[in-house]
N, C-alpha and C. Protein backbone atom coordinates (compact mmCIF):
# COMPACT_ATOMS: atom_id res chain seq x y z
N UNK A 1 -24.38 13.53 5.61
CA UNK A 1 -24.45 12.20 5.03
C UNK A 1 -23.60 12.14 3.75
N UNK A 2 -23.75 13.15 2.90
CA UNK A 2 -22.99 13.16 1.65
C UNK A 2 -21.49 13.22 1.91
N UNK A 3 -21.10 13.98 2.93
CA UNK A 3 -19.69 14.10 3.26
C UNK A 3 -19.13 12.75 3.70
N UNK A 4 -19.87 11.99 4.48
CA UNK A 4 -19.42 10.67 4.92
C UNK A 4 -19.24 9.73 3.74
N UNK A 5 -20.14 9.76 2.79
CA UNK A 5 -20.02 8.93 1.59
C UNK A 5 -18.81 9.35 0.78
N UNK A 6 -18.60 10.65 0.61
CA UNK A 6 -17.46 11.16 -0.14
C UNK A 6 -16.14 10.74 0.52
N UNK A 7 -16.05 10.86 1.83
CA UNK A 7 -14.83 10.44 2.53
C UNK A 7 -14.63 8.95 2.37
N UNK A 8 -15.68 8.16 2.48
CA UNK A 8 -15.58 6.71 2.30
C UNK A 8 -15.08 6.33 0.93
N UNK A 9 -15.43 7.10 -0.09
CA UNK A 9 -14.97 6.83 -1.44
C UNK A 9 -13.51 7.26 -1.63
N UNK A 10 -13.09 8.28 -0.92
CA UNK A 10 -11.74 8.80 -1.09
C UNK A 10 -10.70 7.96 -0.36
N UNK A 11 -11.00 7.41 0.79
CA UNK A 11 -10.02 6.68 1.60
C UNK A 11 -9.41 5.51 0.85
N UNK A 12 -10.19 4.64 0.17
CA UNK A 12 -9.53 3.57 -0.58
C UNK A 12 -8.57 4.09 -1.63
N UNK A 13 -8.86 5.22 -2.24
CA UNK A 13 -7.98 5.79 -3.25
C UNK A 13 -6.63 6.18 -2.67
N UNK A 14 -6.62 6.59 -1.42
CA UNK A 14 -5.36 6.95 -0.77
C UNK A 14 -4.50 5.70 -0.61
N UNK A 15 -5.10 4.59 -0.21
CA UNK A 15 -4.35 3.35 -0.05
C UNK A 15 -3.80 2.87 -1.39
N UNK A 16 -4.57 3.06 -2.46
CA UNK A 16 -4.13 2.63 -3.78
C UNK A 16 -2.90 3.38 -4.26
N UNK A 17 -2.78 4.63 -3.87
CA UNK A 17 -1.68 5.45 -4.34
C UNK A 17 -0.34 4.96 -3.84
N UNK A 18 -0.33 4.15 -2.78
CA UNK A 18 0.91 3.69 -2.19
C UNK A 18 1.63 2.66 -3.07
N UNK A 19 0.94 2.03 -3.98
CA UNK A 19 1.56 1.03 -4.84
C UNK A 19 1.42 -0.37 -4.26
N UNK A 20 2.06 -1.35 -4.89
CA UNK A 20 1.92 -2.73 -4.45
C UNK A 20 2.55 -2.96 -3.07
N UNK A 21 2.09 -4.01 -2.41
CA UNK A 21 2.65 -4.45 -1.14
C UNK A 21 3.38 -5.76 -1.38
N UNK A 22 4.58 -5.85 -0.87
CA UNK A 22 5.41 -7.05 -1.05
C UNK A 22 5.42 -7.85 0.25
N UNK A 23 5.11 -9.15 0.15
CA UNK A 23 5.06 -10.01 1.32
C UNK A 23 5.93 -11.25 1.11
N UNK A 24 6.64 -11.65 2.15
CA UNK A 24 7.35 -12.92 2.19
C UNK A 24 6.61 -13.78 3.20
N UNK A 25 6.15 -14.95 2.77
CA UNK A 25 5.32 -15.78 3.63
C UNK A 25 5.95 -17.16 3.81
N UNK A 26 5.72 -17.73 4.99
CA UNK A 26 6.11 -19.11 5.27
C UNK A 26 4.88 -19.84 5.76
N UNK A 27 4.56 -20.94 5.08
CA UNK A 27 3.39 -21.75 5.43
C UNK A 27 3.89 -23.05 6.02
N UNK A 28 3.37 -23.41 7.21
CA UNK A 28 3.75 -24.66 7.85
C UNK A 28 2.89 -25.78 7.30
N UNK A 29 3.54 -26.79 6.69
CA UNK A 29 2.83 -27.93 6.13
C UNK A 29 3.30 -29.22 6.80
N UNK A 30 2.63 -30.32 6.53
CA UNK A 30 3.01 -31.61 7.10
C UNK A 30 4.40 -32.05 6.67
N UNK A 31 4.86 -31.57 5.51
CA UNK A 31 6.17 -31.95 5.00
C UNK A 31 7.24 -30.89 5.27
N UNK A 32 6.89 -29.85 6.03
CA UNK A 32 7.84 -28.81 6.38
C UNK A 32 7.39 -27.45 5.89
N UNK A 33 8.14 -26.41 6.22
CA UNK A 33 7.76 -25.06 5.82
C UNK A 33 7.89 -24.84 4.32
N UNK A 34 6.96 -24.04 3.79
CA UNK A 34 6.96 -23.68 2.37
C UNK A 34 7.02 -22.15 2.30
N UNK A 35 8.01 -21.64 1.57
CA UNK A 35 8.17 -20.20 1.41
C UNK A 35 7.51 -19.75 0.11
N UNK A 36 6.77 -18.66 0.18
CA UNK A 36 6.21 -18.04 -1.03
C UNK A 36 6.36 -16.53 -0.91
N UNK A 37 6.45 -15.87 -2.04
CA UNK A 37 6.51 -14.41 -2.11
C UNK A 37 5.26 -13.92 -2.82
N UNK A 38 4.68 -12.85 -2.31
CA UNK A 38 3.48 -12.28 -2.90
C UNK A 38 3.69 -10.80 -3.16
N UNK A 39 3.19 -10.35 -4.30
CA UNK A 39 3.09 -8.93 -4.58
C UNK A 39 1.60 -8.64 -4.71
N UNK A 40 1.07 -7.91 -3.76
CA UNK A 40 -0.36 -7.63 -3.69
C UNK A 40 -0.61 -6.25 -4.28
N UNK A 41 -1.48 -6.19 -5.29
CA UNK A 41 -1.75 -4.93 -5.97
C UNK A 41 -3.24 -4.61 -5.92
N UNK A 42 -3.60 -3.69 -5.03
CA UNK A 42 -5.00 -3.30 -4.88
C UNK A 42 -5.57 -2.69 -6.15
N UNK A 43 -4.76 -1.92 -6.86
CA UNK A 43 -5.26 -1.21 -8.04
C UNK A 43 -5.68 -2.19 -9.13
N UNK A 44 -4.84 -3.18 -9.42
CA UNK A 44 -5.18 -4.15 -10.47
C UNK A 44 -5.99 -5.32 -9.95
N UNK A 45 -6.23 -5.34 -8.63
CA UNK A 45 -7.00 -6.43 -7.99
C UNK A 45 -6.35 -7.77 -8.29
N UNK A 46 -5.02 -7.81 -8.13
CA UNK A 46 -4.29 -9.04 -8.44
C UNK A 46 -3.20 -9.32 -7.41
N UNK A 47 -2.74 -10.58 -7.42
CA UNK A 47 -1.63 -11.01 -6.59
C UNK A 47 -0.64 -11.72 -7.50
N UNK A 48 0.64 -11.34 -7.41
CA UNK A 48 1.69 -12.08 -8.11
C UNK A 48 2.24 -13.07 -7.10
N UNK A 49 2.15 -14.36 -7.42
CA UNK A 49 2.52 -15.46 -6.54
C UNK A 49 3.81 -16.07 -7.04
N UNK A 50 4.78 -16.26 -6.15
CA UNK A 50 6.05 -16.89 -6.53
C UNK A 50 6.44 -17.91 -5.47
N UNK A 51 6.74 -19.13 -5.93
CA UNK A 51 7.24 -20.18 -5.04
C UNK A 51 8.71 -20.42 -5.41
N UNK A 52 9.65 -19.81 -4.68
CA UNK A 52 11.06 -19.91 -5.04
C UNK A 52 11.60 -21.35 -5.13
N UNK A 53 11.11 -22.25 -4.29
CA UNK A 53 11.62 -23.63 -4.29
C UNK A 53 11.33 -24.37 -5.59
N UNK A 54 10.21 -24.03 -6.22
CA UNK A 54 9.84 -24.72 -7.46
C UNK A 54 10.05 -23.86 -8.70
N UNK A 55 10.22 -22.56 -8.50
CA UNK A 55 10.35 -21.65 -9.64
C UNK A 55 9.02 -21.26 -10.25
N UNK A 56 7.91 -21.72 -9.67
CA UNK A 56 6.59 -21.40 -10.21
C UNK A 56 6.23 -19.97 -9.85
N UNK A 57 5.72 -19.24 -10.82
CA UNK A 57 5.25 -17.87 -10.59
C UNK A 57 4.03 -17.62 -11.47
N UNK A 58 3.08 -16.85 -10.93
CA UNK A 58 1.85 -16.60 -11.67
C UNK A 58 1.16 -15.36 -11.12
N UNK A 59 0.58 -14.58 -12.00
CA UNK A 59 -0.26 -13.45 -11.58
C UNK A 59 -1.70 -13.97 -11.54
N UNK A 60 -2.36 -13.78 -10.42
CA UNK A 60 -3.72 -14.29 -10.22
C UNK A 60 -4.65 -13.13 -9.88
N UNK A 61 -5.88 -13.18 -10.38
CA UNK A 61 -6.86 -12.20 -9.94
C UNK A 61 -7.23 -12.55 -8.50
N UNK A 62 -7.60 -11.54 -7.73
CA UNK A 62 -7.87 -11.75 -6.32
C UNK A 62 -9.13 -11.00 -5.89
N UNK A 63 -9.70 -11.46 -4.80
CA UNK A 63 -10.83 -10.80 -4.19
C UNK A 63 -10.31 -10.03 -2.98
N UNK A 64 -10.54 -8.72 -2.98
CA UNK A 64 -10.04 -7.85 -1.91
C UNK A 64 -11.20 -7.50 -0.99
N UNK A 65 -11.17 -8.06 0.20
CA UNK A 65 -12.19 -7.80 1.22
C UNK A 65 -11.59 -6.89 2.29
N UNK A 66 -12.41 -6.28 3.14
CA UNK A 66 -11.85 -5.40 4.16
C UNK A 66 -10.85 -6.09 5.10
N UNK A 67 -11.08 -7.38 5.39
CA UNK A 67 -10.23 -8.07 6.35
C UNK A 67 -9.24 -9.07 5.75
N UNK A 68 -9.39 -9.40 4.45
CA UNK A 68 -8.49 -10.38 3.85
C UNK A 68 -8.48 -10.26 2.33
N UNK A 69 -7.48 -10.89 1.75
CA UNK A 69 -7.33 -10.99 0.30
C UNK A 69 -7.34 -12.47 -0.03
N UNK A 70 -8.17 -12.87 -0.99
CA UNK A 70 -8.32 -14.28 -1.34
C UNK A 70 -7.98 -14.47 -2.81
N UNK A 71 -7.18 -15.51 -3.10
CA UNK A 71 -6.85 -15.85 -4.48
C UNK A 71 -6.60 -17.35 -4.58
N UNK A 72 -6.64 -17.85 -5.80
CA UNK A 72 -6.49 -19.29 -6.04
C UNK A 72 -5.34 -19.55 -7.00
N UNK A 73 -4.60 -20.62 -6.73
CA UNK A 73 -3.49 -21.04 -7.59
C UNK A 73 -3.78 -22.46 -8.04
N UNK A 74 -3.79 -22.71 -9.36
CA UNK A 74 -4.05 -24.07 -9.83
C UNK A 74 -2.87 -25.00 -9.52
N UNK A 75 -3.18 -26.24 -9.21
CA UNK A 75 -2.18 -27.28 -9.00
C UNK A 75 -2.28 -28.28 -10.13
N UNK A 76 -1.37 -29.24 -10.18
CA UNK A 76 -1.44 -30.27 -11.21
C UNK A 76 -2.79 -30.96 -11.17
N UNK A 77 -3.25 -31.30 -9.98
CA UNK A 77 -4.58 -31.86 -9.78
C UNK A 77 -5.24 -31.05 -8.69
N UNK A 78 -6.23 -30.25 -9.03
CA UNK A 78 -6.93 -29.45 -8.04
C UNK A 78 -6.43 -28.02 -7.98
N UNK A 79 -6.57 -27.43 -6.80
CA UNK A 79 -6.19 -26.04 -6.63
C UNK A 79 -5.87 -25.77 -5.17
N UNK A 80 -5.21 -24.63 -4.95
CA UNK A 80 -4.95 -24.15 -3.59
C UNK A 80 -5.55 -22.75 -3.49
N UNK A 81 -6.39 -22.56 -2.49
CA UNK A 81 -6.95 -21.24 -2.23
C UNK A 81 -6.18 -20.62 -1.07
N UNK A 82 -5.76 -19.38 -1.25
CA UNK A 82 -5.00 -18.67 -0.24
C UNK A 82 -5.84 -17.51 0.29
N UNK A 83 -5.73 -17.27 1.59
CA UNK A 83 -6.37 -16.11 2.22
C UNK A 83 -5.32 -15.44 3.10
N UNK A 84 -5.06 -14.16 2.84
CA UNK A 84 -4.09 -13.40 3.62
C UNK A 84 -4.84 -12.37 4.44
N UNK A 85 -4.64 -12.40 5.74
CA UNK A 85 -5.29 -11.44 6.63
C UNK A 85 -4.68 -10.06 6.47
N UNK A 86 -5.52 -9.06 6.34
CA UNK A 86 -5.05 -7.68 6.24
C UNK A 86 -4.71 -7.10 7.61
N UNK A 87 -5.11 -7.77 8.68
CA UNK A 87 -4.88 -7.23 10.02
C UNK A 87 -3.65 -7.80 10.70
N UNK A 88 -3.41 -9.11 10.58
CA UNK A 88 -2.26 -9.70 11.28
C UNK A 88 -1.30 -10.45 10.35
N UNK A 89 -1.53 -10.39 9.04
CA UNK A 89 -0.67 -11.00 8.02
C UNK A 89 -0.53 -12.52 8.14
N UNK A 90 -1.53 -13.18 8.75
CA UNK A 90 -1.53 -14.64 8.71
C UNK A 90 -1.99 -15.07 7.32
N UNK A 91 -1.54 -16.25 6.91
CA UNK A 91 -1.93 -16.78 5.61
C UNK A 91 -2.46 -18.19 5.81
N UNK A 92 -3.55 -18.51 5.11
CA UNK A 92 -4.15 -19.83 5.15
C UNK A 92 -4.19 -20.38 3.73
N UNK A 93 -3.73 -21.62 3.58
CA UNK A 93 -3.77 -22.30 2.27
C UNK A 93 -4.70 -23.50 2.41
N UNK A 94 -5.74 -23.54 1.57
CA UNK A 94 -6.67 -24.66 1.56
C UNK A 94 -6.49 -25.40 0.24
N UNK A 95 -6.01 -26.64 0.33
CA UNK A 95 -5.75 -27.45 -0.86
C UNK A 95 -6.94 -28.37 -1.08
N UNK A 96 -7.43 -28.41 -2.32
CA UNK A 96 -8.57 -29.27 -2.66
C UNK A 96 -8.21 -30.20 -3.81
N UNK A 97 -8.85 -31.35 -3.86
CA UNK A 97 -8.74 -32.30 -4.97
C UNK A 97 -7.29 -32.63 -5.31
N UNK A 98 -6.49 -32.90 -4.31
CA UNK A 98 -5.10 -33.26 -4.51
C UNK A 98 -4.83 -34.52 -3.69
N UNK A 99 -3.66 -35.07 -3.81
CA UNK A 99 -3.33 -36.25 -3.02
C UNK A 99 -3.34 -35.96 -1.53
N UNK A 100 -3.02 -34.74 -1.16
CA UNK A 100 -2.98 -34.37 0.26
C UNK A 100 -3.82 -33.12 0.52
N UNK A 101 -5.17 -33.26 0.47
CA UNK A 101 -6.01 -32.10 0.74
C UNK A 101 -5.88 -31.69 2.21
N UNK A 102 -6.13 -30.43 2.47
CA UNK A 102 -6.09 -29.97 3.85
C UNK A 102 -5.89 -28.48 3.94
N UNK A 103 -5.76 -28.02 5.17
CA UNK A 103 -5.59 -26.59 5.44
C UNK A 103 -4.27 -26.39 6.18
N UNK A 104 -3.45 -25.48 5.68
CA UNK A 104 -2.17 -25.14 6.29
C UNK A 104 -2.17 -23.65 6.62
N UNK A 105 -1.45 -23.28 7.66
CA UNK A 105 -1.41 -21.88 8.06
C UNK A 105 0.02 -21.41 8.19
N UNK A 106 0.19 -20.10 8.11
CA UNK A 106 1.52 -19.53 8.23
C UNK A 106 1.44 -18.04 8.51
N UNK A 107 2.57 -17.37 8.27
CA UNK A 107 2.68 -15.95 8.57
C UNK A 107 3.44 -15.25 7.45
N UNK A 108 3.05 -14.02 7.18
CA UNK A 108 3.73 -13.19 6.17
C UNK A 108 4.38 -11.99 6.87
N UNK A 109 5.41 -11.47 6.25
CA UNK A 109 6.02 -10.24 6.70
C UNK A 109 6.14 -9.30 5.51
N UNK A 110 5.96 -8.01 5.78
CA UNK A 110 6.10 -7.01 4.70
C UNK A 110 7.55 -6.88 4.32
N UNK A 111 7.80 -6.72 3.04
CA UNK A 111 9.15 -6.56 2.51
C UNK A 111 9.25 -5.22 1.80
N UNK A 112 10.42 -4.64 1.78
CA UNK A 112 10.64 -3.43 1.01
C UNK A 112 10.89 -3.83 -0.43
N UNK A 113 10.37 -3.05 -1.38
CA UNK A 113 10.64 -3.39 -2.77
C UNK A 113 12.13 -3.27 -3.08
N UNK A 114 12.61 -4.10 -3.98
CA UNK A 114 14.01 -4.05 -4.38
C UNK A 114 14.30 -2.73 -5.07
N UNK A 115 15.49 -2.20 -4.86
CA UNK A 115 15.89 -0.98 -5.57
C UNK A 115 16.09 -1.32 -7.03
N UNK A 116 15.56 -0.47 -7.88
CA UNK A 116 15.65 -0.70 -9.32
C UNK A 116 16.69 0.23 -9.92
N UNK A 117 17.40 -0.28 -10.90
CA UNK A 117 18.40 0.52 -11.60
C UNK A 117 17.77 1.36 -12.72
N UNK A 118 16.61 0.94 -13.21
CA UNK A 118 15.94 1.69 -14.27
C UNK A 118 14.45 1.55 -14.15
């Protein structure tokens, strides 16, 4: 029993050692596709959110569940809650208290981190 608990505690640490995960996502909305980039960091329990079309970027705290990662991004009026599946990389955006509330879905793909000069 103790060995099973010890292994269960060690396995998440192995995943953390890999560093952040970079995702490029496209969400299908009523007004067309929306591209966003995410940097998911299990260690800091955060997601860096970037919307290239608007230039908006923000680091958000996130909830890391076994099957998904959930985080919220504030809007001018209301908020958007995002859920990214850890199994199939689908993404769901739920917009609340805005002119166009609703649920949009899309897909993410893993990206390699950019090579750094320093």
